[in-house]
Protein backbone atom coordinates (compact mmCIF):
# COMPACT_ATOMS: atom_id res chain seq x y z
CA MET A 1 -9.14 -14.29 20.75
CA THR A 2 -9.74 -14.27 24.52
CA THR A 3 -12.97 -14.79 26.46
CA GLY A 4 -13.77 -13.09 29.75
CA PRO A 5 -14.56 -15.75 32.38
CA ALA A 6 -17.52 -14.06 34.06
CA THR A 7 -19.12 -11.58 31.71
CA GLY A 8 -19.06 -13.44 28.39
CA GLU A 9 -16.93 -10.60 27.05
CA ARG A 10 -14.82 -11.57 24.04
CA GLU A 11 -11.80 -9.81 22.62
CA LEU A 12 -10.66 -10.14 19.01
CA ARG A 13 -7.44 -8.82 17.53
CA GLY A 14 -6.95 -7.82 13.91
CA VAL A 15 -5.30 -5.13 11.81
CA ALA A 16 -5.73 -1.55 13.03
CA VAL A 17 -6.87 0.76 10.22
CA TYR A 18 -7.84 4.13 11.64
CA PRO A 19 -6.68 5.23 15.13
CA ASP A 20 -9.94 6.04 16.89
CA ILE A 21 -12.32 4.25 19.23
CA VAL A 22 -16.07 3.76 18.97
CA ILE A 23 -18.69 1.97 21.10
CA GLY A 24 -22.00 0.91 19.58
CA LYS A 25 -24.39 -1.80 18.39
CA ALA A 26 -23.37 -4.35 15.76
CA HIS A 27 -25.11 -4.43 12.39
CA LEU A 28 -24.26 -7.74 10.71
CA ILE A 29 -24.06 -7.69 6.91
CA ASP A 30 -24.58 -10.99 5.10
CA ARG A 31 -22.40 -10.85 2.02
CA SER A 32 -22.24 -14.58 1.39
CA SER A 33 -21.16 -15.45 -2.12
CA VAL A 34 -23.75 -15.64 -4.87
CA LYS A 35 -24.54 -19.26 -5.70
CA ILE A 36 -23.48 -20.01 -9.27
CA GLN A 37 -24.95 -22.82 -11.34
CA TYR A 38 -23.20 -24.22 -14.39
CA GLN A 39 -25.13 -24.14 -17.65
CA CYS A 40 -24.09 -25.29 -21.10
CA PHE A 41 -25.83 -24.18 -24.30
CA VAL A 42 -26.27 -25.86 -27.65
CA HIS A 43 -27.98 -23.14 -29.69
CA ASP A 44 -26.19 -20.03 -30.93
CA GLU A 45 -29.05 -17.77 -29.88
CA ASP A 46 -28.61 -18.90 -26.25
CA VAL A 47 -24.91 -18.10 -26.38
CA ASP A 48 -25.65 -14.68 -27.89
CA ARG A 49 -28.18 -14.05 -25.12
CA GLU A 50 -25.60 -14.84 -22.42
CA VAL A 51 -23.08 -12.48 -24.00
CA ALA A 52 -25.75 -9.77 -24.08
CA ARG A 53 -26.65 -10.45 -20.41
CA PHE A 54 -23.03 -10.05 -19.40
CA LYS A 55 -22.58 -6.83 -21.37
CA GLU A 56 -25.76 -5.39 -19.89
CA ALA A 57 -24.59 -6.30 -16.36
CA VAL A 58 -21.31 -4.49 -17.01
CA LYS A 59 -23.19 -1.38 -18.16
CA THR A 60 -25.41 -1.50 -15.07
CA VAL A 61 -22.47 -1.76 -12.66
CA GLU A 62 -20.64 0.98 -14.57
CA LYS A 63 -23.59 3.29 -13.98
CA GLU A 64 -23.63 2.37 -10.28
CA PHE A 65 -19.91 3.06 -9.83
CA THR A 66 -20.14 6.31 -11.82
CA SER A 67 -23.07 7.48 -9.70
CA LEU A 68 -21.22 6.61 -6.49
CA LYS A 69 -18.16 8.50 -7.70
CA GLU A 70 -20.16 11.59 -8.65
CA ASN A 71 -21.89 11.66 -5.26
CA MET A 72 -18.86 10.96 -3.08
CA PRO A 73 -18.66 13.19 0.02
CA ASP A 74 -16.07 15.95 -0.26
CA ARG A 75 -13.79 14.47 2.39
CA VAL A 76 -13.33 11.23 0.44
CA ARG A 77 -13.30 12.75 -3.03
CA ASP A 78 -9.50 12.40 -3.09
CA GLN A 79 -10.08 8.65 -3.02
CA SER A 80 -12.19 8.64 -6.19
CA PHE A 81 -9.29 6.91 -7.94
CA ILE A 82 -10.40 3.71 -6.19
CA LEU A 83 -13.72 3.74 -8.04
CA ASP A 84 -11.84 4.73 -11.21
CA SER A 85 -9.79 1.57 -10.84
CA HIS A 86 -12.99 -0.47 -10.42
CA LEU A 87 -14.43 1.07 -13.57
CA MET A 88 -11.26 0.09 -15.42
CA ILE A 89 -11.43 -3.45 -14.04
CA LEU A 90 -14.93 -3.81 -15.51
CA ARG A 91 -13.57 -3.28 -19.03
CA ASP A 92 -10.18 -4.87 -18.50
CA GLY A 93 -9.43 -7.50 -21.11
CA MET A 94 -8.52 -10.13 -18.52
CA LEU A 95 -12.05 -9.88 -17.11
CA TYR A 96 -14.29 -8.48 -19.86
CA ASP A 97 -12.83 -10.06 -22.99
CA SER A 98 -11.99 -13.34 -21.29
CA THR A 99 -15.54 -13.74 -19.98
CA ILE A 100 -17.10 -13.10 -23.40
CA GLU A 101 -14.57 -15.47 -24.96
CA ALA A 102 -15.43 -18.21 -22.45
CA ILE A 103 -19.17 -17.79 -23.06
CA SER A 104 -18.70 -17.96 -26.82
CA GLU A 105 -16.11 -20.72 -27.08
CA GLU A 106 -17.17 -22.96 -24.19
CA ARG A 107 -20.87 -22.15 -24.66
CA ILE A 108 -21.44 -21.65 -20.94
CA ASN A 109 -23.54 -19.19 -18.96
CA ALA A 110 -22.24 -15.72 -18.07
CA GLU A 111 -21.95 -16.40 -14.34
CA TRP A 112 -19.77 -19.47 -14.83
CA ALA A 113 -17.61 -17.76 -17.45
CA LEU A 114 -17.08 -14.79 -15.11
CA LYS A 115 -16.09 -17.15 -12.31
CA LYS A 116 -13.50 -18.78 -14.60
CA SER A 117 -12.05 -15.38 -15.53
CA LEU A 118 -11.71 -14.45 -11.86
CA GLU A 119 -9.88 -17.70 -11.10
CA GLU A 120 -7.41 -17.07 -13.94
CA ILE A 121 -6.75 -13.52 -12.75
CA GLY A 122 -6.26 -14.81 -9.21
CA GLU A 123 -3.54 -17.20 -10.40
CA VAL A 124 -1.68 -14.29 -12.02
CA PHE A 125 -1.91 -12.07 -8.93
CA GLU A 126 -0.69 -14.86 -6.65
CA GLU A 127 2.67 -14.69 -8.44
CA ILE A 128 3.17 -10.98 -7.73
CA ASP A 129 5.68 -10.50 -4.95
CA ASP A 130 4.72 -6.92 -4.08
CA GLU A 131 2.25 -7.13 -1.18
CA TYR A 132 0.39 -3.96 -2.11
CA ILE A 133 -0.10 -5.03 -5.72
CA SER A 134 -0.96 -8.66 -4.91
CA ASN A 135 -3.65 -7.44 -2.51
CA ARG A 136 -5.38 -5.71 -5.43
CA ILE A 137 -7.00 -9.06 -6.30
CA SER A 138 -9.59 -8.11 -3.68
CA ASP A 139 -10.66 -5.25 -5.97
CA VAL A 140 -11.19 -7.68 -8.84
CA GLU A 141 -13.19 -9.93 -6.50
CA ASN A 142 -15.35 -7.00 -5.39
CA VAL A 143 -16.10 -6.00 -8.98
CA THR A 144 -16.85 -9.60 -9.91
CA ASP A 145 -19.17 -10.01 -6.92
CA ARG A 146 -21.08 -6.90 -7.98
CA LEU A 147 -21.44 -8.28 -11.52
CA LEU A 148 -22.58 -11.68 -10.25
CA ARG A 149 -25.21 -10.10 -8.03
CA THR A 150 -26.43 -8.00 -10.95
CA LEU A 151 -26.62 -11.06 -13.20
CA SER A 152 -28.52 -13.02 -10.55
CA GLY A 153 -30.83 -10.17 -9.57
CA ASP A 154 -29.49 -10.28 -5.99
CA THR A 155 -28.48 -6.68 -5.25
CA GLY A 156 -27.67 -7.48 -1.62
CA HIS A 157 -27.89 -5.15 1.35
CA CYS A 158 -27.63 -1.44 0.49
CA LEU A 159 -25.44 0.19 3.13
CA GLY A 160 -26.77 3.62 2.16
CA GLU A 161 -30.16 2.66 3.59
CA ILE A 162 -28.89 2.27 7.17
CA ASN A 163 -30.66 4.84 9.36
CA GLN A 164 -29.50 4.10 12.88
CA ARG A 165 -26.19 4.42 14.69
CA VAL A 166 -24.37 1.11 14.19
CA ILE A 167 -21.02 -0.58 13.68
CA ILE A 168 -20.91 -2.62 10.46
CA VAL A 169 -19.76 -6.23 10.81
CA ALA A 170 -19.01 -7.96 7.49
CA HIS A 171 -16.81 -10.62 5.97
CA ASP A 172 -15.52 -7.92 3.61
CA LEU A 173 -16.57 -4.52 2.30
CA SER A 174 -15.79 -3.29 -1.17
CA PRO A 175 -14.69 0.31 -1.76
CA ALA A 176 -18.08 0.82 -3.43
CA ASP A 177 -19.71 -0.36 -0.20
CA THR A 178 -17.69 2.05 1.91
CA THR A 179 -18.48 4.88 -0.49
CA GLU A 180 -22.17 4.27 0.23
CA LEU A 181 -21.67 4.51 4.00
CA ASN A 182 -23.44 7.41 5.65
CA THR A 183 -21.08 8.32 8.47
CA ALA A 184 -23.94 10.07 10.26
CA TRP A 185 -25.19 6.55 11.03
CA VAL A 186 -22.21 4.22 10.52
CA MET A 187 -19.84 4.71 13.44
CA GLY A 188 -17.21 2.23 12.30
CA PHE A 189 -16.78 -1.23 10.82
CA ILE A 190 -14.97 -4.53 11.28
CA THR A 191 -14.29 -7.27 8.73
CA ASP A 192 -13.02 -10.83 8.68
CA VAL A 193 -10.53 -10.15 5.88
CA GLY A 194 -8.34 -7.31 4.69
CA GLY A 195 -5.04 -5.64 5.47
CA LYS A 196 -3.48 -2.20 5.85
CA THR A 197 -3.05 -1.79 2.11
CA SER A 198 -6.55 -2.90 1.06
CA HIS A 199 -8.74 -0.28 -0.58
CA THR A 200 -11.31 -0.88 2.16
CA ALA A 201 -8.70 0.23 4.69
CA ILE A 202 -7.80 3.26 2.56
CA MET A 203 -11.45 4.31 2.42
CA ALA A 204 -11.83 3.91 6.20
CA GLN A 205 -8.86 6.22 6.68
CA ALA A 206 -10.33 8.75 4.26
CA LEU A 207 -13.70 8.61 6.06
CA GLU A 208 -11.84 8.88 9.39
CA ILE A 209 -13.96 6.23 11.08
CA PRO A 210 -12.61 3.51 13.40
CA ALA A 211 -12.09 0.19 11.66
CA VAL A 212 -10.37 -3.12 12.31
CA VAL A 213 -9.89 -5.64 9.48
CA GLY A 214 -8.45 -9.14 9.20
CA LEU A 215 -10.33 -10.42 12.27
CA GLU A 216 -11.00 -13.79 10.54
CA THR A 217 -13.96 -14.87 12.74
CA ALA A 218 -15.88 -11.68 13.51
CA THR A 219 -18.98 -12.56 11.48
CA SER A 220 -19.24 -15.97 13.14
CA LEU A 221 -18.86 -14.61 16.68
CA VAL A 222 -20.77 -11.32 16.57
CA LYS A 223 -24.57 -11.35 16.63
CA ASP A 224 -26.75 -8.59 15.23
CA GLY A 225 -27.31 -6.06 18.03
CA ASP A 226 -24.31 -7.08 20.15
CA LEU A 227 -22.54 -4.20 21.89
CA LEU A 228 -19.07 -3.66 20.42
CA ILE A 229 -15.99 -1.64 21.22
CA VAL A 230 -13.81 -1.03 18.16
CA ASP A 231 -10.32 0.21 18.99
CA GLY A 232 -8.87 1.21 15.63
CA SER A 233 -5.59 2.29 17.22
CA ALA A 234 -4.68 -1.12 18.64
CA GLY A 235 -6.65 -3.39 16.31
CA VAL A 236 -8.87 -4.65 19.13
CA VAL A 237 -12.58 -5.45 19.08
CA VAL A 238 -14.43 -6.21 22.33
CA ILE A 239 -17.76 -8.04 22.03
CA ASN A 240 -20.33 -7.37 24.78
CA PRO A 241 -17.93 -5.45 27.06
CA ASP A 242 -18.63 -4.96 30.76
CA ASP A 243 -18.98 -1.51 32.38
CA ARG A 244 -15.32 -1.37 33.37
CA ALA A 245 -14.18 -1.97 29.78
CA ILE A 246 -16.60 0.66 28.47
CA ILE A 247 -15.29 3.30 30.89
CA HIS A 248 -11.67 2.38 30.06
CA TYR A 249 -12.19 2.78 26.32
CA GLN A 250 -14.18 5.99 26.67
CA GLU A 251 -11.27 7.53 28.55
CA LYS A 252 -8.78 6.15 26.02
CA LYS A 253 -10.80 7.68 23.17
CA LEU A 254 -10.63 11.17 24.69
CA GLN A 255 -6.90 10.86 25.29
CA LEU A 256 -6.28 9.57 21.76
CA GLN A 257 -8.20 12.45 20.17
CA ALA A 258 -6.31 15.04 22.20
CA TYR A 259 -2.97 13.46 21.34
CA ARG A 260 -3.70 13.20 17.62
CA SER A 261 -4.74 16.85 17.53
CA SER A 262 -1.54 17.92 19.25
CA ILE A 263 0.56 15.99 16.71
CA ALA A 264 -1.33 17.40 13.73
CA ARG A 265 -0.75 20.99 14.90
CA THR A 266 3.00 20.57 14.46
CA SER A 267 3.09 18.30 11.37
CA HIS A 268 4.38 21.07 9.08
CA LEU A 269 7.36 21.87 11.29
CA PRO A 270 10.69 20.49 10.07
CA ALA A 271 11.96 17.18 11.43
CA GLU A 272 14.97 18.58 13.29
CA THR A 273 16.47 16.94 16.35
CA PRO A 274 17.03 19.01 19.54
CA ASP A 275 20.74 19.18 18.66
CA GLY A 276 20.11 20.55 15.16
CA HIS A 277 20.20 17.48 12.88
CA ARG A 278 17.69 17.65 9.99
CA VAL A 279 15.99 14.63 8.46
CA ALA A 280 13.71 14.93 5.42
CA ILE A 281 10.34 13.23 5.96
CA THR A 282 8.58 12.29 2.73
CA ALA A 283 5.66 10.14 1.59
CA ASN A 284 5.29 6.90 -0.34
CA ILE A 285 2.51 7.07 -2.92
CA GLU A 286 0.93 4.74 -5.46
CA PHE A 287 -1.53 7.10 -7.15
CA LEU A 288 -1.58 10.68 -8.32
CA GLU A 289 -4.54 11.35 -6.03
CA GLU A 290 -2.45 10.62 -2.92
CA VAL A 291 -0.20 13.65 -3.45
CA THR A 292 -2.59 16.04 -1.69
CA ALA A 293 -2.65 13.88 1.44
CA ALA A 294 1.16 13.76 1.42
CA LYS A 295 1.28 17.58 1.54
CA ASP A 296 -1.55 17.85 4.09
CA TYR A 297 0.26 15.57 6.53
CA GLY A 298 3.46 17.58 6.30
CA GLY A 299 5.38 15.55 3.73
CA GLU A 300 8.48 17.31 2.42
CA GLY A 301 8.31 15.53 -0.91
CA ILE A 302 7.58 12.12 -2.40
CA GLY A 303 10.26 9.65 -1.40
CA LEU A 304 8.82 6.76 -3.40
CA TYR A 305 6.38 6.98 -6.29
CA ARG A 306 5.53 3.42 -7.29
CA THR A 307 4.70 3.45 -10.99
CA GLU A 308 3.09 0.05 -11.49
CA PHE A 309 -0.60 1.02 -11.32
CA LEU A 310 -0.83 2.43 -14.84
CA TYR A 311 0.62 -0.85 -16.15
CA LEU A 312 -1.87 -3.01 -14.23
CA ARG A 313 -5.04 -1.33 -15.45
CA GLY A 314 -5.36 -3.38 -18.61
CA ARG A 315 -3.65 -5.90 -20.80
CA GLY A 316 -1.62 -3.37 -22.74
CA PHE A 317 0.99 -0.83 -21.80
CA PRO A 318 0.30 2.86 -21.09
CA ASP A 319 1.73 5.11 -23.78
CA GLU A 320 4.30 7.83 -23.25
CA GLU A 321 1.75 10.67 -23.11
CA GLU A 322 -0.33 8.95 -20.45
CA LEU A 323 2.73 8.37 -18.29
CA PHE A 324 4.06 11.88 -18.90
CA GLU A 325 0.80 13.58 -17.90
CA ASP A 326 0.63 11.55 -14.69
CA TYR A 327 4.25 12.24 -13.69
CA ARG A 328 4.06 15.91 -14.66
CA GLU A 329 0.98 16.51 -12.51
CA VAL A 330 2.58 14.87 -9.46
CA VAL A 331 5.74 16.93 -9.92
CA GLU A 332 3.88 20.22 -10.41
CA ILE A 333 1.76 19.69 -7.29
CA MET A 334 4.82 18.91 -5.15
CA SER A 335 7.18 21.51 -6.67
CA PRO A 336 9.73 22.56 -5.53
CA ALA A 337 9.86 19.52 -3.24
CA PRO A 338 11.49 16.40 -4.74
CA VAL A 339 9.59 13.47 -6.24
CA SER A 340 11.52 10.19 -6.37
CA ILE A 341 10.07 8.03 -9.14
CA ARG A 342 10.88 4.34 -9.08
CA THR A 343 10.93 2.75 -12.52
CA LEU A 344 8.71 -0.21 -13.22
CA ASP A 345 8.99 -2.93 -10.56
CA LEU A 346 6.93 -5.79 -11.97
CA GLY A 347 7.55 -8.70 -14.30
CA GLY A 348 6.12 -8.57 -17.81
CA ASP A 349 3.99 -11.69 -17.38
CA LYS A 350 2.15 -9.99 -14.55
CA PHE A 351 0.46 -7.35 -16.63
CA ALA A 352 0.85 -7.67 -20.36
CA SER A 353 0.06 -10.24 -22.96
CA GLU A 354 2.19 -8.78 -25.73
CA VAL A 355 5.45 -9.81 -24.05
CA ALA A 356 5.77 -13.58 -24.11
CA ILE A 357 7.43 -14.70 -20.90
CA SER A 358 7.02 -18.22 -19.59
CA GLY A 359 5.55 -18.81 -16.16
CA GLU A 360 8.04 -18.69 -13.32
CA SER A 361 8.05 -20.99 -10.31
CA ASN A 362 9.56 -18.27 -8.10
CA PRO A 363 8.72 -14.82 -9.50
CA ALA A 364 10.29 -13.03 -6.50
CA LEU A 365 13.66 -14.23 -7.82
CA GLY A 366 12.78 -14.11 -11.49
CA LEU A 367 12.40 -11.68 -14.38
CA ARG A 368 11.10 -8.57 -12.65
CA ALA A 369 11.91 -4.90 -12.07
CA ILE A 370 15.18 -3.76 -13.68
CA ARG A 371 15.75 -7.25 -15.11
CA PHE A 372 12.54 -7.06 -17.10
CA CYS A 373 13.27 -3.48 -18.20
CA LEU A 374 16.71 -4.43 -19.50
CA ARG A 375 15.18 -7.41 -21.28
CA GLU A 376 12.54 -5.16 -22.89
CA PRO A 377 14.39 -1.86 -23.54
CA GLU A 378 11.68 -0.36 -25.76
CA ILE A 379 9.14 -0.60 -22.94
CA PHE A 380 11.75 0.82 -20.57
CA LYS A 381 12.52 3.73 -22.90
CA VAL A 382 8.87 4.79 -23.05
CA GLN A 383 8.79 5.20 -19.28
CA LEU A 384 12.18 6.91 -19.15
CA ARG A 385 11.12 9.42 -21.84
CA ALA A 386 7.97 10.24 -19.84
CA ILE A 387 9.98 10.70 -16.62
CA LEU A 388 12.62 12.86 -18.30
CA ARG A 389 10.02 15.05 -19.99
CA ALA A 390 8.20 15.53 -16.67
CA SER A 391 11.49 16.53 -15.02
CA ALA A 392 11.27 19.85 -16.89
CA TYR A 393 8.30 20.76 -14.66
CA GLY A 394 9.78 20.16 -11.22
CA ASN A 395 12.25 18.26 -9.08
CA ILE A 396 12.38 14.60 -10.14
CA GLN A 397 14.78 12.01 -8.80
CA LEU A 398 14.93 8.71 -10.73
CA MET A 399 15.41 5.36 -9.00
CA PHE A 400 16.19 1.96 -10.54
CA PRO A 401 14.80 -0.95 -8.47
CA MET A 402 16.29 -4.36 -7.73
CA ILE A 403 19.84 -3.53 -8.76
CA SER A 404 22.02 -6.51 -7.80
CA GLY A 405 25.39 -5.29 -9.07
CA LEU A 406 27.31 -2.74 -11.10
CA GLN A 407 26.67 -4.17 -14.59
CA GLU A 408 22.88 -3.82 -14.26
CA LEU A 409 23.34 -0.22 -13.20
CA ILE A 410 25.70 0.51 -16.11
CA ASP A 411 23.24 -1.07 -18.56
CA ALA A 412 20.29 0.89 -17.14
CA LYS A 413 22.20 4.19 -17.27
CA GLU A 414 23.25 3.45 -20.84
CA ILE A 415 19.60 3.15 -21.90
CA LEU A 416 18.84 6.33 -19.96
CA GLY A 417 21.65 8.04 -21.87
CA GLN A 418 20.19 6.88 -25.19
CA VAL A 419 16.82 8.40 -24.27
CA GLN A 420 18.50 11.66 -23.24
CA GLU A 421 20.25 11.79 -26.63
CA GLU A 422 16.93 11.28 -28.40
CA LEU A 423 15.34 14.13 -26.44
CA ASP A 424 18.33 16.38 -27.18
CA ARG A 425 18.04 15.57 -30.87
CA ASP A 426 14.31 16.36 -30.85
CA LYS A 427 14.93 19.51 -28.77
CA ILE A 428 12.56 18.30 -26.04
CA PRO A 429 13.38 19.92 -22.67
CA TYR A 430 14.26 17.91 -19.55
CA ASP A 431 16.31 18.40 -16.40
CA THR A 432 19.88 17.63 -17.47
CA GLY A 433 20.91 17.59 -13.82
CA MET A 434 18.25 15.11 -12.70
CA GLU A 435 19.58 12.91 -9.89
CA VAL A 436 19.75 9.18 -10.57
CA GLY A 437 19.81 6.66 -7.74
CA ILE A 438 19.14 3.02 -7.03
CA MET A 439 17.05 1.00 -4.62
CA MET A 440 19.27 -0.92 -2.22
CA GLU A 441 17.13 -3.98 -1.58
CA ILE A 442 19.26 -6.99 -2.51
CA PRO A 443 22.07 -8.29 -0.28
CA SER A 444 24.52 -8.40 -3.21
CA ALA A 445 23.97 -4.66 -3.76
CA VAL A 446 24.70 -4.01 -0.09
CA THR A 447 27.95 -5.95 -0.42
CA MET A 448 28.83 -3.84 -3.47
CA ALA A 449 27.62 -0.54 -1.95
CA GLU A 450 31.09 1.03 -1.95
CA VAL A 451 31.41 0.40 -5.71
CA LEU A 452 27.83 1.33 -6.60
CA ALA A 453 28.03 4.60 -4.65
CA ARG A 454 30.57 5.95 -7.14
CA HIS A 455 28.04 5.63 -9.99
CA VAL A 456 24.87 7.18 -8.51
CA ASP A 457 23.63 10.38 -6.90
CA PHE A 458 21.85 8.70 -3.99
CA PHE A 459 20.79 5.39 -2.43
CA SER A 460 17.25 4.51 -1.34
CA ILE A 461 17.06 1.50 0.96
CA GLY A 462 13.96 -0.62 0.37
CA THR A 463 13.84 -2.50 3.65
CA ASN A 464 10.73 -4.53 2.80
CA ASP A 465 12.54 -6.48 0.08
CA LEU A 466 15.94 -6.28 1.75
CA ILE A 467 14.62 -8.06 4.85
CA GLN A 468 12.84 -10.62 2.69
CA TYR A 469 15.88 -11.45 0.59
CA ALA A 470 18.43 -11.28 3.40
CA LEU A 471 16.47 -13.51 5.79
CA ALA A 472 14.92 -15.77 3.11
CA ILE A 473 11.45 -14.85 4.35
CA ASP A 474 8.30 -14.56 2.24
CA ARG A 475 6.60 -11.75 4.15
CA ILE A 476 3.14 -12.64 2.82
CA ASN A 477 3.45 -16.35 3.71
CA GLU A 478 1.53 -16.79 6.95
CA HIS A 479 3.71 -19.75 7.96
CA VAL A 480 6.96 -17.75 8.13
CA ALA A 481 5.76 -14.13 8.30
CA TYR A 482 6.57 -14.03 12.03
CA MET A 483 10.26 -14.31 11.09
CA TYR A 484 10.11 -11.12 9.04
CA GLU A 485 12.17 -9.12 11.51
CA PRO A 486 13.42 -5.55 10.90
CA PHE A 487 15.38 -5.65 14.17
CA HIS A 488 17.52 -8.59 13.06
CA PRO A 489 21.16 -7.57 13.69
CA ALA A 490 22.06 -8.59 10.14
CA ILE A 491 19.54 -6.10 8.72
CA LEU A 492 20.81 -3.27 10.91
CA ARG A 493 24.38 -4.03 9.85
CA MET A 494 23.37 -3.99 6.20
CA ILE A 495 21.68 -0.60 6.56
CA ARG A 496 24.73 0.79 8.34
CA GLN A 497 27.03 -0.61 5.63
CA VAL A 498 25.01 1.17 2.93
CA VAL A 499 25.09 4.46 4.87
CA ASN A 500 28.84 4.22 5.47
CA ALA A 501 29.51 3.58 1.77
CA ALA A 502 27.32 6.56 0.86
CA ARG A 503 29.12 8.83 3.32
CA ASP A 504 32.50 7.87 1.88
CA ALA A 505 31.23 8.71 -1.63
CA GLY A 506 29.55 11.96 -0.56
CA ILE A 507 26.00 10.91 -1.50
CA LYS A 508 22.79 10.81 0.56
CA VAL A 509 20.72 7.85 1.71
CA ALA A 510 16.94 7.53 1.92
CA LEU A 511 14.94 4.68 3.45
CA CYS A 512 11.47 3.93 2.13
CA GLY A 513 10.39 0.59 3.63
CA GLU A 514 7.94 -0.04 6.47
CA MET A 515 10.74 0.64 8.94
CA ALA A 516 10.62 4.34 7.99
CA GLY A 517 7.14 4.80 9.49
CA ASP A 518 7.64 2.51 12.50
CA PRO A 519 7.93 4.53 15.75
CA LEU A 520 10.23 1.88 17.21
CA CYS A 521 12.73 2.36 14.37
CA VAL A 522 13.09 6.16 14.55
CA SER A 523 15.97 6.26 17.03
CA ILE A 524 17.87 3.46 15.27
CA LEU A 525 17.60 5.11 11.86
CA LEU A 526 18.64 8.48 13.30
CA GLY A 527 21.66 6.84 14.89
CA ILE A 528 22.67 5.07 11.69
CA GLY A 529 22.47 8.37 9.80
CA ILE A 530 19.60 8.07 7.28
CA ASP A 531 19.09 11.41 5.50
CA ARG A 532 15.50 10.90 4.38
CA LEU A 533 12.65 8.72 5.62
CA SER A 534 9.71 7.99 3.32
CA MET A 535 6.49 6.44 4.60
CA ASN A 536 2.71 6.26 4.43
CA ALA A 537 1.52 9.86 4.62
CA ARG A 538 -0.50 9.29 7.80
CA ALA A 539 2.62 8.26 9.71
CA ILE A 540 4.40 11.55 8.95
CA PRO A 541 3.11 13.75 11.84
CA LEU A 542 4.09 11.22 14.53
CA ILE A 543 7.51 10.41 13.05
CA LYS A 544 8.28 14.13 12.74
CA LYS A 545 7.29 14.67 16.37
CA MET A 546 9.59 11.86 17.49
CA VAL A 547 12.55 13.13 15.46
CA ARG A 548 12.17 16.55 17.09
CA ALA A 549 12.42 14.91 20.53
CA ILE A 550 15.45 12.61 20.05
CA PRO A 551 18.94 14.16 20.13
CA VAL A 552 21.03 12.56 17.40
CA VAL A 553 23.96 12.27 19.82
CA GLU A 554 21.80 10.11 22.07
CA ALA A 555 20.58 8.03 19.11
CA ARG A 556 24.19 7.35 18.08
CA ALA A 557 25.10 6.28 21.61
CA ASP A 558 22.13 3.90 21.67
CA LEU A 559 23.16 2.52 18.29
CA LYS A 560 26.55 1.48 19.67
CA LYS A 561 24.80 -0.55 22.36
CA ILE A 562 22.31 -2.00 19.88
CA MET A 563 25.04 -3.10 17.49
CA GLY A 564 26.54 -5.12 20.34
CA LEU A 565 23.36 -7.18 20.73
CA SER A 566 23.12 -10.60 19.10
CA THR A 567 19.43 -11.28 18.44
CA ALA A 568 16.40 -9.45 17.08
CA LYS A 569 14.60 -10.16 20.34
CA GLU A 570 17.31 -8.36 22.32
CA VAL A 571 17.31 -5.39 19.94
CA ARG A 572 13.54 -5.04 20.05
CA ALA A 573 13.43 -5.30 23.84
CA TYR A 574 16.09 -2.59 24.16
CA ILE A 575 14.48 -0.15 21.78
CA LEU A 576 10.97 -0.85 23.09
CA GLU A 577 12.03 -0.02 26.64
CA LYS A 578 13.81 3.13 25.47
CA THR A 579 10.88 4.31 23.36
CA LYS A 580 8.37 3.68 26.15
CA ARG A 581 10.53 5.72 28.50
CA MET A 582 10.85 8.65 26.10
CA PHE A 583 7.31 8.48 24.70
CA PRO A 584 5.11 6.75 27.30
CA GLU A 585 1.97 7.91 25.52
CA LEU A 586 2.70 5.83 22.40
CA GLU A 587 1.97 2.48 24.05
CA GLU A 588 -1.09 3.82 25.80
CA LYS A 589 -2.53 5.08 22.50
CA GLY A 590 -1.73 1.99 20.48
CA TYR A 591 1.08 3.40 18.33
CA ILE A 592 3.48 0.74 19.60
CA LEU A 593 2.58 -2.76 20.74
CA ASP A 594 4.53 -5.26 22.86
């Protein structure tokens, strides 16, 4: 945070959510936590009453969420899955059953029992290494807050009642809150908490309103009625700006809108360099409902379909039919474009009670992903059957995550072969030529890339985990997150080693980490020779535009110079200077930051 010396102007920096700029008056929302008092009961009738209160509160909130979902504006209807997930959380055993159990066994009031359930769920989610999944605890907190307010009779501030042009300032906003926003009056919003993968951020993108989250101190610094500038492209909020700042941001807004429109007009053109080199640009998705956005933004397929959500919705496992219907629909919508489905990448203790696995002190290095699937082959087979059956309806590519060496791959393919034999025996159709690949995200797999390449149809480099494991960095630990560095020479050498091994074996290489959608990484990845980049759908138009402007011969020449540099700082400085020279508008519009 910086403070202007003369005008009292303050500048806050957070996480940019939607690349647009808005200037308006602040509307402060007080969403302080509901005060909970502990009560203990002696009589059975009091306990029964508390259970009934809780059940009635759940029904009330269910009706609210259902009504919000049914009345969602058309442009955010694709995001209705967010409210679906909240409806499922309401009845999830970890919340619903545990709360009733606590009321009955500990003879405590509903509010206190609900608080205890939330704390227990929070402890489980803290152990999940996947940033996207671990951030889903905010959804549980939002649902719990809604229940607590219903139990206490405090319904809070209704955002749907706002009838003047304002910018919302809040500690946090739930997806239900953002669904209630009337964008005729709400120009944008800022919050103290949140990240790029939070459902609040997803809703802001769907609503296409400027938003900055993760500001930490916004609600303590902004007063109701303060004039604000929200720059959702750079993650900047200016409190009480002077005239010069207002003029600057008004001009920037016009330029940003014109630039975004020009990019969108060409998003469905192929990503082909000026000297004729094609790169496939695909989308990463988490939910079935995201497929439409992937196509709308020009995605040429799904490069990474994370399959964990259906396993996190409740305490039990989804059955084969549920998985099959989900996969089949994704494949049919995208057909004939490819859909790369990653098999389950979570540990059993993170989502299911029927598999007894002891707590782990370091789950990132424990029983997760392919290790869990090999430990629990019957669970693995259910998912593989669903994937294989869905392959009869389109172009599926199967990926095994967290492969550390050849034996794991052999074991996984053996189970896949057993499932294929079962389907053959039952005369159930599937794509017998379905490609099978692995995620390259562990340093030992990189070292063994030459061997592994002879046993798969493709590699997909997961740079998020590869960087974490190679540099011994927990990317969601605020104390060391600054060391999470994609430009580290060791990481670039690892990526190049994987590509070289793939070339020698005649297979292709995809890359599906955050690097794929980073404008500063485009030239490097072109030079290394990645065949397919997979990213957040909204990044696709810009990355395609950049690919079409960078000759691959030039990218390869730059790569030779980059590989001679010794530090991440030197690499970043080199590529930043080059990118600014080729695309000067990117810095100006907040797509790249110093």
